[in-house]
Structures are given as structure tokens and as C-alpha cells.
Amino acid sequence: SILGTGVVLSLLAACAPQQPKQELTLSGLNPDNFKSEVNGKPTDLYVLKNAAGMEVCVTNFGGRIVSIMVPDKNGTMQDVLIGFTNITDYTTKPGDFGASIGRYANRIALGKFTLHGVEYELPVNNGPNHLHGGPDGFQNKVWESREQDGGVEFLYYSEDGEMGYPGALKAVARYEWTEENELRLTLTAESDAPTVVNLTNHAYFNLNGHNSGNVDGHTLWLGCDFYTPNSDECMPVGEILS
């Protein structure tokens, strides 16, 4: 279920209103630090828990995962996601931590693509290339939020021509935290005209806990049959190798 983050006011004996101390999440987050405004739109923190007591926190700024509190092999609860404790850090520090990336994740060479015979030019923000939807991609937007049973859904409406992309587009990031301790993220998009879209999540994990140092001791296994080699600028070179 989703735990509300509303604030209740209490009265002192002298009848002076006082705001009680906000209860922290399991990962130590203060929900008040996520109640803010970015470009005139309100942001908030959403807390998902399951019957096992495990917790995921997400925010509608950038449709982000903020923390994932789960037990390690010894049963000690750890926050295994790298992130920040307030909206200000998310808006001022680079890295796209935990964000939903769009309209197009990764790089578009020289900020140009051709669709149905029409060339579109996008702003470049990674050397000569366009990266993660440009300098004002979906990760820098406040998404609409819609709480649902077992999860929360974030919606972002991208106007035709935003960051140079054709077609008005509705992007949806749905987070679910199941009783089987699965964090499910479903990304969908719908456009009113032909366009390009490539949505992803930009989470950084440290399975020893986010305060435990670097991840040099981690092993990553990818169940892939093929991969695409990159150039020195991280652009695919056009090959698909075993």
C-alpha cells in the first residue's frame, strides 16, 4: 500500500499552531524535503511498502526512484539505491539519479535524425551529440502522479516540438512494489504523430548499501546474445556482435 505523506497540525496549550515532526521513511528520508516546487509544479515523495516491511520511495520529479530498502544476506536492512535526500540536490547535481529518461535515452549523433524523409535537429548537450532527450529531458520535468493499488503511476505530457521532437507524446512510468519483493517499472508512451521514443530508467545501485563505498567488488551479469560496440564518444558504430 502507499503511505500518505500529508501533514497534520496540532495545537499547543497556548493554542499556537505547531507542525509535528514528520515521520522518516525506513531509509531515513524526510518526506517534507520532497515537498517543493520545480518550475511552478509541486513535487512530493511517495512511499511504497509490502507485507514483508520492505520499502521503495519514488518522487514525481523526473519520475524517479529515490531509495530501495531491502535486507542483505544477513537480514540487515540496507538502502541499495544511490540518490539524494531532497529535491534541491536532484535539481542541482548532475547524474539523472534514478530518473525516467526521455524522450530518447542514450545519444543521437550530432543531434539530428531523419524520419519519413524529414530531418529533425535537436539540441546537443554531450559534446557534438544529443543525450537523454537533451538539456531539458523528461528527467528534469515534474510528472503528474496517480496513486494506485500496489503502486504509483507518473505521467508526463510532452508537447509537439519539445526539444525538437515531432508529435505530442504521453509517457507513463508505473512503479509497483509486489508482495514477492519485486520492484516493477512499466514504461509506456503514446504519440499523436510519427516520432522516435526510447524510455529507460537511470538508477545506480550498490547492493552493499549506498554508504558502503564503491562497487568494485560487484559482478554484473547480462543475459544478452549480442551487443553493439561503441565509439570513443559512446556512439554505436553500426555493428552487432556476438
Protein backbone atom coordinates (compact mmCIF):
# COMPACT_ATOMS: atom_id res chain seq x y z
CA SER A 1 0.00 0.00 0.00
CA ILE A 2 1.05 3.60 -0.44
CA LEU A 3 1.61 5.58 2.71
CA GLY A 4 0.34 9.14 2.64
CA THR A 5 2.73 11.98 3.34
CA GLY A 6 0.19 14.58 4.47
CA VAL A 7 0.95 16.82 7.44
CA VAL A 8 -1.35 17.12 10.48
CA LEU A 9 -1.24 20.28 12.58
CA SER A 10 -1.53 20.15 16.35
CA LEU A 11 -2.22 22.87 18.90
CA LEU A 12 -0.10 23.71 21.90
CA ALA A 13 -1.72 24.51 25.21
CA ALA A 14 -1.35 28.19 24.32
CA CYS A 15 -3.32 27.49 21.13
CA ALA A 16 -0.34 28.33 18.94
CA PRO A 17 -0.24 26.04 15.88
CA GLN A 18 2.78 23.78 15.67
CA GLN A 19 3.71 21.30 12.98
CA PRO A 20 4.73 17.91 14.41
CA LYS A 21 7.96 16.31 13.36
CA GLN A 22 7.48 14.40 10.12
CA GLU A 23 7.97 10.65 10.40
CA LEU A 24 11.01 9.45 8.47
CA THR A 25 10.95 6.61 5.98
CA LEU A 26 12.82 3.37 6.68
CA SER A 27 15.70 4.68 4.57
CA GLY A 28 15.83 7.86 6.69
CA LEU A 29 14.17 10.22 4.22
CA ASN A 30 12.10 13.15 5.45
CA PRO A 31 9.09 13.49 3.11
CA ASP A 32 8.98 17.23 3.83
CA ASN A 33 12.27 17.60 1.96
CA PHE A 34 10.50 16.47 -1.21
CA LYS A 35 7.52 18.82 -0.89
CA SER A 36 8.68 21.61 -3.16
CA GLU A 37 8.03 23.27 -6.50
CA VAL A 38 10.01 22.99 -9.72
CA ASN A 39 9.03 25.43 -12.46
CA GLY A 40 5.79 26.13 -10.60
CA LYS A 41 4.73 22.48 -10.30
CA PRO A 42 4.53 20.63 -6.95
CA THR A 43 6.81 17.72 -6.11
CA ASP A 44 6.33 15.05 -3.46
CA LEU A 45 7.64 11.73 -2.13
CA TYR A 46 5.64 8.51 -2.45
CA VAL A 47 6.36 5.57 -0.14
CA LEU A 48 5.56 2.01 -1.17
CA LYS A 49 5.68 -0.86 1.34
CA ASN A 50 4.75 -4.50 1.24
CA ALA A 51 3.77 -7.03 3.89
CA ALA A 52 7.41 -8.04 4.40
CA GLY A 53 8.20 -4.49 5.53
CA MET A 54 10.42 -3.63 2.59
CA GLU A 55 10.20 -0.12 1.20
CA VAL A 56 10.62 1.81 -2.04
CA CYS A 57 10.45 5.61 -2.25
CA VAL A 58 9.79 7.45 -5.51
CA THR A 59 9.22 11.08 -6.47
CA ASN A 60 7.32 12.70 -9.32
CA PHE A 61 10.29 14.95 -10.12
CA GLY A 62 11.72 13.10 -13.08
CA GLY A 63 9.61 10.02 -12.28
CA ARG A 64 12.49 8.86 -10.07
CA ILE A 65 13.29 6.02 -7.72
CA VAL A 66 14.78 7.61 -4.58
CA SER A 67 15.50 4.62 -2.32
CA ILE A 68 15.06 0.84 -2.12
CA MET A 69 15.22 -0.55 1.41
CA VAL A 70 15.78 -4.33 1.44
CA PRO A 71 17.62 -6.85 3.67
CA ASP A 72 21.07 -8.14 2.79
CA LYS A 73 22.08 -11.82 3.11
CA ASN A 74 22.39 -11.35 6.89
CA GLY A 75 18.96 -9.75 7.19
CA THR A 76 20.30 -6.23 7.76
CA MET A 77 18.16 -3.60 6.04
CA GLN A 78 20.07 -1.50 3.52
CA ASP A 79 19.18 1.22 1.03
CA VAL A 80 20.72 -0.21 -2.16
CA LEU A 81 19.92 2.74 -4.45
CA ILE A 82 22.18 5.76 -4.87
CA GLY A 83 20.31 9.04 -4.55
CA PHE A 84 19.73 12.23 -2.60
CA THR A 85 17.66 13.20 0.42
CA ASN A 86 15.89 16.27 -1.02
CA ILE A 87 14.54 17.76 -4.24
CA THR A 88 17.13 20.56 -4.30
CA ASP A 89 20.01 18.12 -4.78
CA TYR A 90 18.14 16.36 -7.57
CA THR A 91 17.65 19.66 -9.40
CA THR A 92 21.21 20.96 -8.96
CA LYS A 93 23.52 17.93 -9.08
CA PRO A 94 24.21 16.14 -12.38
CA GLY A 95 23.72 12.43 -12.92
CA ASP A 96 19.99 11.77 -13.56
CA PHE A 97 19.94 9.56 -10.45
CA GLY A 98 17.00 7.11 -10.52
CA ALA A 99 15.17 9.11 -13.21
CA SER A 100 12.86 8.14 -16.04
CA ILE A 101 14.78 9.22 -19.15
CA GLY A 102 13.16 10.56 -22.33
CA ARG A 103 12.15 11.39 -24.90
CA TYR A 104 15.09 9.39 -26.20
CA ALA A 105 17.59 7.67 -23.89
CA ASN A 106 21.25 7.50 -24.90
CA ARG A 107 22.83 9.53 -27.69
CA ILE A 108 21.67 10.77 -31.08
CA ALA A 109 24.68 11.57 -33.24
CA LEU A 110 25.17 15.28 -33.98
CA GLY A 111 21.66 15.95 -32.64
CA LYS A 112 19.98 15.02 -35.93
CA PHE A 113 17.72 12.26 -37.21
CA THR A 114 15.55 11.74 -40.28
CA LEU A 115 12.00 10.38 -40.03
CA HIS A 116 9.80 9.83 -43.09
CA GLY A 117 12.10 11.98 -45.18
CA VAL A 118 12.10 14.93 -42.77
CA GLU A 119 15.27 15.88 -40.87
CA TYR A 120 14.86 16.99 -37.27
CA GLU A 121 17.51 18.92 -35.35
CA LEU A 122 17.83 18.53 -31.58
CA PRO A 123 19.88 20.49 -29.03
CA VAL A 124 23.31 18.96 -28.33
CA ASN A 125 24.34 18.53 -24.70
CA ASN A 126 27.05 15.84 -24.80
CA GLY A 127 29.89 17.09 -26.96
CA PRO A 128 28.54 17.14 -30.52
CA ASN A 129 25.69 14.77 -29.67
CA HIS A 130 22.21 14.86 -28.16
CA LEU A 131 21.94 12.88 -24.88
CA HIS A 132 18.93 11.62 -22.88
CA GLY A 133 16.36 13.88 -24.54
CA GLY A 134 18.51 17.00 -24.35
CA PRO A 135 19.22 19.53 -21.61
CA ASP A 136 15.54 19.62 -20.65
CA GLY A 137 14.63 15.95 -20.95
CA PHE A 138 11.87 14.12 -19.10
CA GLN A 139 14.19 13.55 -16.12
CA ASN A 140 14.09 17.31 -15.45
CA LYS A 141 10.30 17.56 -15.54
CA VAL A 142 7.66 17.29 -12.83
CA TRP A 143 5.37 14.42 -13.76
CA GLU A 144 1.72 14.15 -12.79
CA SER A 145 1.12 11.48 -10.16
CA ARG A 146 -1.67 8.98 -9.76
CA GLU A 147 -1.64 6.60 -6.79
CA GLN A 148 -2.99 3.11 -7.42
CA ASP A 149 -3.27 -0.17 -5.52
CA GLY A 150 0.22 -1.54 -5.02
CA GLY A 151 1.97 1.30 -6.76
CA VAL A 152 2.05 4.76 -8.22
CA GLU A 153 1.86 5.99 -11.79
CA PHE A 154 3.66 9.07 -13.12
CA LEU A 155 2.52 10.77 -16.33
CA TYR A 156 4.34 13.34 -18.45
CA TYR A 157 2.85 15.09 -21.48
CA SER A 158 5.50 16.23 -23.97
CA GLU A 159 4.31 18.84 -26.45
CA ASP A 160 4.90 18.60 -30.19
CA GLY A 161 8.30 20.18 -30.89
CA GLU A 162 9.61 19.90 -27.32
CA MET A 163 13.42 19.57 -27.52
CA GLY A 164 12.93 19.38 -31.30
CA TYR A 165 10.96 16.09 -31.36
CA PRO A 166 7.87 15.72 -33.54
CA GLY A 167 4.50 14.69 -32.14
CA ALA A 168 2.76 15.30 -28.83
CA LEU A 169 3.56 12.35 -26.57
CA LYS A 170 2.17 10.95 -23.31
CA ALA A 171 4.75 9.00 -21.30
CA VAL A 172 3.77 6.83 -18.32
CA ALA A 173 6.09 5.34 -15.69
CA ARG A 174 4.26 2.88 -13.43
CA TYR A 175 6.03 1.64 -10.29
CA GLU A 176 4.78 -1.46 -8.45
CA TRP A 177 6.26 -3.00 -5.28
CA THR A 178 4.94 -6.55 -5.04
CA GLU A 179 4.50 -8.96 -2.15
CA GLU A 180 7.19 -11.08 -3.83
CA ASN A 181 9.64 -8.19 -3.22
CA GLU A 182 9.79 -7.28 -6.90
CA LEU A 183 10.10 -3.68 -7.99
CA ARG A 184 8.36 -3.49 -11.35
CA LEU A 185 8.70 -0.48 -13.64
CA THR A 186 6.49 -0.35 -16.73
CA LEU A 187 7.24 2.43 -19.22
CA THR A 188 4.75 3.22 -21.99
CA ALA A 189 4.36 6.03 -24.49
CA GLU A 190 1.69 7.16 -26.93
CA SER A 191 2.14 9.80 -29.63
CA ASP A 192 -0.32 11.59 -31.90
CA ALA A 193 2.17 11.60 -34.80
CA PRO A 194 5.18 9.56 -36.02
CA THR A 195 8.11 10.16 -33.69
CA VAL A 196 11.08 8.46 -32.05
CA VAL A 197 10.94 7.42 -28.40
CA ASN A 198 13.27 5.36 -26.18
CA LEU A 199 12.42 5.39 -22.47
CA THR A 200 14.54 3.90 -19.69
CA ASN A 201 15.37 4.25 -16.01
CA HIS A 202 18.70 5.68 -14.86
CA ALA A 203 19.14 4.05 -11.43
CA TYR A 204 22.51 3.46 -9.80
CA PHE A 205 22.75 0.51 -7.41
CA ASN A 206 25.14 -0.53 -4.66
CA LEU A 207 23.99 -3.85 -3.25
CA ASN A 208 26.13 -3.37 -0.13
CA GLY A 209 24.22 -0.20 0.72
CA HIS A 210 24.68 3.34 -0.58
CA ASN A 211 27.07 4.34 2.24
CA SER A 212 29.34 1.29 1.87
CA GLY A 213 31.92 2.61 -0.59
CA ASN A 214 32.38 1.79 -4.27
CA VAL A 215 31.06 -1.16 -6.29
CA ASP A 216 34.42 -2.54 -7.46
CA GLY A 217 33.60 -5.86 -5.77
CA HIS A 218 30.30 -6.28 -7.63
CA THR A 219 29.84 -8.65 -10.56
CA LEU A 220 27.35 -7.73 -13.30
CA TRP A 221 25.87 -10.48 -15.45
CA LEU A 222 23.87 -9.62 -18.58
CA GLY A 223 21.82 -12.32 -20.30
CA CYS A 224 22.44 -10.98 -23.81
CA ASP A 225 23.18 -12.78 -27.08
CA PHE A 226 24.53 -9.69 -28.82
CA TYR A 227 25.93 -6.25 -28.08
CA THR A 228 26.59 -3.04 -30.02
CA PRO A 229 30.18 -1.75 -29.89
CA ASN A 230 30.61 1.96 -29.21
CA SER A 231 32.97 4.66 -30.43
CA ASP A 232 35.11 6.76 -28.09
CA GLU A 233 32.09 9.13 -27.83
CA CYS A 234 29.85 6.23 -26.70
CA MET A 235 28.02 6.22 -30.05
CA PRO A 236 27.09 2.84 -31.60
CA VAL A 237 29.32 2.20 -34.62
CA GLY A 238 26.69 0.22 -36.52
CA GLU A 239 27.88 -3.32 -35.77
CA ILE A 240 26.01 -6.01 -33.85
CA LEU A 241 28.44 -8.54 -32.38
CA SER A 242 28.01 -11.86 -30.57
